[in-house]
């Protein structure tokens, strides 16, 4: 990959992170007007449609058959649980705080890779993981007398998402990430509509405006996925990873301007430890691959 492709990938991932922040803002804005899984269904139904178009545009074969049915099912369930937890957390936490806690994902990926895939992790990566979780602790700012355990939902999201990411390493390399995400998005949309129609908080969309907001949220998230995939097809993860943390900045800006959230006192210095540790883990993994 040349420098031009790297620059293109960087621009694409910044756009993707901005779109995800916009999606999160819209979820936070409309959650009182629609059931959670109505929102969830809109998000993943649109994502599945856009991914299908993306795959066809790339002339990749779309097949409902998978040679890894159990692994695919486990990945879909983990993905569904992860973003159910994250979307719920957006309804009561500052956007930047939820996003910062989600970036504990690389720490869990390394731990899972160690114990389930038997990958070697040296003292530097273990130290980075420890510092990363220290950052998570600072951002959570726990007061154990009245600590709200629901504040751990973004961390639960990171845990489940990391587990789903580790399962990817067991799939054949010929199966594209777009196909795998299409499975996840389609199954998530199906599961969401079942839950939306059976839970007590089901409430049909009340107005055209609410429907438009849900569509805007779904389109933002769906195109965020497309831009993210294009980014990783143009540049390696080692180049793109530092710019993925742009998502925390955009979430902070959206939260500040739209909802008046300004969680400086809880974000810092914990967010710096999370970012520094995540980048250190990636750097050490890249060096190990190069060797």
Protein backbone atom coordinates (compact mmCIF):
# COMPACT_ATOMS: atom_id res chain seq x y z
CA UNK A 1 0.00 0.00 0.00
CA UNK A 2 1.44 3.38 -1.00
CA UNK A 3 1.33 6.73 0.79
CA UNK A 4 -1.64 7.91 -1.28
CA UNK A 5 -3.67 4.89 -0.22
CA UNK A 6 -2.67 5.47 3.41
CA UNK A 7 -3.85 9.09 3.22
CA UNK A 8 -7.12 7.96 1.65
CA UNK A 9 -7.59 5.39 4.40
CA UNK A 10 -6.98 8.02 7.09
CA UNK A 11 -9.58 10.37 5.59
CA UNK A 12 -12.07 7.51 5.30
CA UNK A 13 -11.67 6.37 8.91
CA UNK A 14 -12.09 9.95 10.19
CA UNK A 15 -15.33 10.21 8.18
CA UNK A 16 -16.44 6.82 9.54
CA UNK A 17 -15.78 7.84 13.16
CA UNK A 18 -17.68 11.09 12.61
CA UNK A 19 -20.65 9.19 11.17
CA UNK A 20 -20.68 6.81 14.14
CA UNK A 21 -20.67 9.79 16.51
CA UNK A 22 -23.60 11.26 14.58
CA UNK A 23 -25.41 7.92 14.84
CA UNK A 24 -24.83 7.81 18.62
CA UNK A 25 -26.11 11.38 19.00
CA UNK A 26 -29.31 10.54 17.13
CA UNK A 27 -29.85 7.42 19.26
CA UNK A 28 -29.48 9.53 22.39
CA UNK A 29 -31.87 12.12 20.96
CA UNK A 30 -34.70 9.76 19.97
CA UNK A 31 -34.52 6.95 22.53
CA UNK A 32 -37.47 8.34 24.52
CA UNK A 33 -39.68 8.37 21.40
CA UNK A 34 -39.15 4.79 20.21
CA UNK A 35 -38.44 1.37 21.69
CA UNK A 36 -34.75 0.49 21.86
CA UNK A 37 -35.05 -2.46 19.49
CA UNK A 38 -37.01 -0.44 16.94
CA UNK A 39 -33.95 1.79 16.81
CA UNK A 40 -31.71 -1.28 16.73
CA UNK A 41 -33.68 -2.80 13.87
CA UNK A 42 -33.49 0.39 11.79
CA UNK A 43 -29.74 0.60 12.36
CA UNK A 44 -28.95 -2.95 11.29
CA UNK A 45 -31.54 -3.31 8.56
CA UNK A 46 -30.09 -0.30 6.74
CA UNK A 47 -26.55 -1.53 7.44
CA UNK A 48 -27.40 -4.91 5.91
CA UNK A 49 -28.85 -3.26 2.79
CA UNK A 50 -25.82 -1.01 2.34
CA UNK A 51 -23.43 -3.91 2.90
CA UNK A 52 -25.28 -6.02 0.36
CA UNK A 53 -24.91 -3.20 -2.21
CA UNK A 54 -21.23 -2.79 -1.27
CA UNK A 55 -20.57 -6.52 -1.73
CA UNK A 56 -22.35 -6.62 -5.09
CA UNK A 57 -20.43 -3.51 -6.21
CA UNK A 58 -17.20 -5.31 -5.37
CA UNK A 59 -18.40 -8.37 -7.33
CA UNK A 60 -18.10 -10.59 -4.28
CA UNK A 61 -20.34 -13.63 -4.03
CA UNK A 62 -23.23 -13.26 -1.57
CA UNK A 63 -24.29 -16.57 -0.06
CA UNK A 64 -26.46 -17.36 2.93
CA UNK A 65 -24.53 -20.58 3.39
CA UNK A 66 -21.69 -20.58 5.90
CA UNK A 67 -19.14 -23.32 6.50
CA UNK A 68 -18.82 -22.13 10.11
CA UNK A 69 -22.44 -22.25 11.40
CA UNK A 70 -21.61 -22.50 15.13
CA UNK A 71 -18.88 -19.88 14.97
CA UNK A 72 -21.11 -17.58 12.92
CA UNK A 73 -23.94 -17.98 15.44
CA UNK A 74 -21.61 -17.22 18.37
CA UNK A 75 -20.24 -14.15 16.59
CA UNK A 76 -23.75 -12.87 15.78
CA UNK A 77 -24.93 -13.31 19.40
CA UNK A 78 -21.84 -11.58 20.79
CA UNK A 79 -22.23 -8.70 18.34
CA UNK A 80 -25.92 -8.34 19.22
CA UNK A 81 -25.22 -8.31 22.97
CA UNK A 82 -22.35 -5.86 22.53
CA UNK A 83 -24.28 -3.15 20.76
CA UNK A 84 -27.45 -3.68 22.77
CA UNK A 85 -25.34 -2.78 25.81
CA UNK A 86 -23.72 0.17 24.05
CA UNK A 87 -26.96 1.65 22.69
CA UNK A 88 -28.53 1.41 26.16
CA UNK A 89 -25.52 3.17 27.70
CA UNK A 90 -25.95 6.09 25.29
CA UNK A 91 -29.34 6.86 26.82
CA UNK A 92 -27.89 7.93 30.18
CA UNK A 93 -24.11 8.45 29.77
CA UNK A 94 -22.24 11.30 28.09
CA UNK A 95 -21.40 10.33 24.51
CA UNK A 96 -17.66 10.85 24.98
CA UNK A 97 -17.58 8.74 28.17
CA UNK A 98 -19.38 5.80 26.54
CA UNK A 99 -17.07 5.96 23.52
CA UNK A 100 -13.93 6.22 25.65
CA UNK A 101 -14.93 3.14 27.65
CA UNK A 102 -15.71 1.24 24.44
CA UNK A 103 -12.06 1.68 23.41
CA UNK A 104 -11.09 -0.78 26.14
CA UNK A 105 -11.83 -3.33 23.40
CA UNK A 106 -8.15 -3.87 22.39
CA UNK A 107 -7.30 -4.91 25.96
CA UNK A 108 -9.91 -7.67 25.90
CA UNK A 109 -8.85 -8.74 22.38
CA UNK A 110 -5.28 -9.29 23.62
CA UNK A 111 -6.46 -11.25 26.67
CA UNK A 112 -8.79 -13.46 24.60
CA UNK A 113 -6.04 -14.03 22.02
CA UNK A 114 -3.71 -15.15 24.80
CA UNK A 115 -6.06 -17.63 26.47
CA UNK A 116 -8.09 -18.91 23.52
CA UNK A 117 -5.71 -18.63 20.56
CA UNK A 118 -2.51 -19.17 22.57
CA UNK A 119 -0.86 -16.03 21.19
CA UNK A 120 2.27 -14.84 22.97
CA UNK A 121 1.93 -11.64 24.97
CA UNK A 122 5.09 -10.09 26.42
CA UNK A 123 5.58 -7.94 29.48
CA UNK A 124 5.14 -4.70 27.49
CA UNK A 125 1.69 -5.66 26.26
CA UNK A 126 0.64 -6.90 29.70
CA UNK A 127 1.79 -3.57 31.12
CA UNK A 128 -0.17 -1.70 28.45
CA UNK A 129 -3.28 -3.73 29.29
CA UNK A 130 -2.85 -2.93 33.00
CA UNK A 131 -2.44 0.80 32.30
CA UNK A 132 -5.43 0.66 29.95
CA UNK A 133 -7.70 -0.79 32.62
CA UNK A 134 -6.38 1.83 35.03
CA UNK A 135 -7.62 4.41 32.51
CA UNK A 136 -11.02 2.67 32.42
CA UNK A 137 -11.13 2.82 36.23
CA UNK A 138 -10.39 6.56 36.20
CA UNK A 139 -13.06 7.28 33.56
CA UNK A 140 -15.62 5.25 35.52
CA UNK A 141 -14.65 7.23 38.65
CA UNK A 142 -16.32 4.69 40.93
CA UNK A 143 -17.77 5.64 44.28
CA UNK A 144 -18.34 2.20 45.73
CA UNK A 145 -20.96 3.39 48.19
CA UNK A 146 -23.44 4.17 45.41
CA UNK A 147 -21.72 2.98 42.24
CA UNK A 148 -24.13 2.46 39.34
CA UNK A 149 -23.24 -0.84 37.71
CA UNK A 150 -25.03 0.16 34.52
CA UNK A 151 -22.02 2.44 33.89
CA UNK A 152 -20.16 -0.75 33.03
CA UNK A 153 -22.34 -1.35 29.94
CA UNK A 154 -19.83 0.21 27.47
CA UNK A 155 -17.15 -2.05 29.00
CA UNK A 156 -19.49 -5.03 28.57
CA UNK A 157 -19.92 -3.93 24.95
CA UNK A 158 -16.13 -3.86 24.52
CA UNK A 159 -15.86 -7.31 26.13
CA UNK A 160 -18.47 -8.91 23.82
CA UNK A 161 -17.24 -7.08 20.74
CA UNK A 162 -13.65 -8.16 21.45
CA UNK A 163 -14.81 -11.77 21.76
CA UNK A 164 -16.61 -11.48 18.41
CA UNK A 165 -13.47 -10.00 16.85
CA UNK A 166 -11.32 -12.88 18.12
CA UNK A 167 -13.68 -15.38 16.49
CA UNK A 168 -12.82 -13.75 13.14
CA UNK A 169 -9.33 -15.24 13.38
CA UNK A 170 -10.85 -18.71 13.15
CA UNK A 171 -12.62 -18.02 9.85
CA UNK A 172 -10.99 -18.84 6.55
CA UNK A 173 -9.11 -15.81 5.20
CA UNK A 174 -11.01 -16.13 1.91
CA UNK A 175 -14.23 -15.03 3.67
CA UNK A 176 -14.30 -11.23 3.44
CA UNK A 177 -15.05 -9.03 6.43
CA UNK A 178 -17.97 -7.52 4.48
CA UNK A 179 -19.65 -10.93 4.16
CA UNK A 180 -19.13 -11.66 7.86
CA UNK A 181 -20.56 -8.29 8.86
CA UNK A 182 -23.50 -8.84 6.52
CA UNK A 183 -24.30 -12.03 8.48
CA UNK A 184 -24.10 -10.08 11.76
CA UNK A 185 -26.16 -7.12 10.55
CA UNK A 186 -28.88 -9.31 9.01
CA UNK A 187 -29.18 -11.49 12.11
CA UNK A 188 -29.13 -8.44 14.41
CA UNK A 189 -31.95 -6.82 12.41
CA UNK A 190 -34.00 -10.03 12.59
CA UNK A 191 -33.41 -10.43 16.33
CA UNK A 192 -34.22 -6.78 16.97
CA UNK A 193 -37.57 -6.88 15.18
CA UNK A 194 -38.54 -9.99 17.16
CA UNK A 195 -37.64 -8.31 20.44
CA UNK A 196 -39.27 -5.02 19.43
CA UNK A 197 -42.55 -6.78 18.68
CA UNK A 198 -42.61 -8.88 21.86
CA UNK A 199 -41.31 -6.54 24.59
CA UNK A 200 -43.60 -4.37 26.67
CA UNK A 201 -41.88 -1.14 25.61
CA UNK A 202 -42.89 -1.62 21.98
CA UNK A 203 -44.39 1.59 20.65
CA UNK A 204 -44.94 2.23 16.95
CA UNK A 205 -43.23 5.32 15.59
CA UNK A 206 -45.51 8.23 16.44
CA UNK A 207 -44.63 10.80 13.78
CA UNK A 208 -42.94 11.31 10.45
CA UNK A 209 -40.24 13.34 12.21
CA UNK A 210 -39.39 10.44 14.54
CA UNK A 211 -39.25 8.07 11.58
CA UNK A 212 -36.97 10.48 9.75
CA UNK A 213 -34.64 10.69 12.75
CA UNK A 214 -34.43 6.89 12.98
CA UNK A 215 -33.71 6.69 9.23
CA UNK A 216 -31.01 9.36 9.57
CA UNK A 217 -29.45 7.44 12.46
CA UNK A 218 -29.53 4.18 10.50
CA UNK A 219 -28.02 5.77 7.38
CA UNK A 220 -25.26 7.43 9.44
CA UNK A 221 -24.33 4.12 11.07
CA UNK A 222 -24.65 2.13 7.85
CA UNK A 223 -22.42 4.46 5.86
CA UNK A 224 -20.03 4.55 8.81
CA UNK A 225 -19.53 0.80 8.37
CA UNK A 226 -18.98 1.21 4.60
CA UNK A 227 -16.41 3.97 5.05
CA UNK A 228 -14.68 1.91 7.74
CA UNK A 229 -14.36 -1.06 5.39
CA UNK A 230 -13.07 1.13 2.60
CA UNK A 231 -10.52 2.59 5.03
CA UNK A 232 -9.14 -0.82 5.96
CA UNK A 233 -9.00 -1.84 2.29
CA UNK A 234 -6.76 1.16 1.60
CA UNK A 235 -4.46 1.27 4.61
CA UNK A 236 -3.17 -1.16 7.26
CA UNK A 237 -4.52 -1.18 10.80
CA UNK A 238 -1.21 0.17 12.16
CA UNK A 239 -1.71 3.37 10.14
CA UNK A 240 -5.41 3.75 10.85
CA UNK A 241 -5.55 2.90 14.57
CA UNK A 242 -4.42 6.31 15.92
CA UNK A 243 -7.13 8.01 13.84
CA UNK A 244 -9.87 5.69 15.08
CA UNK A 245 -9.62 7.53 18.42
CA UNK A 246 -10.95 10.54 16.56
CA UNK A 247 -14.29 8.98 17.46
CA UNK A 248 -13.84 10.08 21.07
CA UNK A 249 -13.22 13.68 19.96
CA UNK A 250 -16.25 13.79 17.66
CA UNK A 251 -18.43 12.17 20.34
CA UNK A 252 -17.23 14.81 22.80
CA UNK A 253 -18.06 17.61 20.34
CA UNK A 254 -21.54 16.24 19.53
CA UNK A 255 -22.26 15.70 23.23
CA UNK A 256 -21.14 19.22 24.10
CA UNK A 257 -22.96 21.11 21.33
CA UNK A 258 -26.18 19.07 21.26
CA UNK A 259 -26.66 17.87 24.85
CA UNK A 260 -24.50 20.26 26.86
CA UNK A 261 -22.27 17.43 28.08
CA UNK A 262 -18.79 18.45 29.18
CA UNK A 263 -17.32 15.47 31.09
CA UNK A 264 -13.76 16.78 31.27
CA UNK A 265 -13.41 15.93 34.96
CA UNK A 266 -14.20 12.23 34.41
CA UNK A 267 -12.53 11.75 31.02
CA UNK A 268 -9.05 13.00 31.87
CA UNK A 269 -6.48 11.65 32.45
CA UNK A 270 -8.12 8.23 32.06
CA UNK A 271 -8.82 8.66 28.34
CA UNK A 272 -5.11 9.32 27.69
CA UNK A 273 -4.21 6.04 29.39
CA UNK A 274 -6.81 4.17 27.30
CA UNK A 275 -5.54 5.66 24.02
CA UNK A 276 -1.84 5.26 24.91
CA UNK A 277 -2.36 1.64 25.98
CA UNK A 278 -4.40 0.78 22.89
CA UNK A 279 -1.73 2.18 20.57
CA UNK A 280 1.04 0.42 22.51
CA UNK A 281 -0.74 -2.92 22.14
CA UNK A 282 -1.14 -2.38 18.40
CA UNK A 283 2.52 -1.37 18.03
CA UNK A 284 3.71 -4.48 19.85
CA UNK A 285 1.42 -6.72 17.78
CA UNK A 286 2.73 -5.14 14.59
CA UNK A 287 6.35 -5.72 15.63
CA UNK A 288 5.59 -9.34 16.46
CA UNK A 289 3.98 -9.85 13.02
CA UNK A 290 6.96 -8.24 11.30
CA UNK A 291 9.32 -10.60 13.09
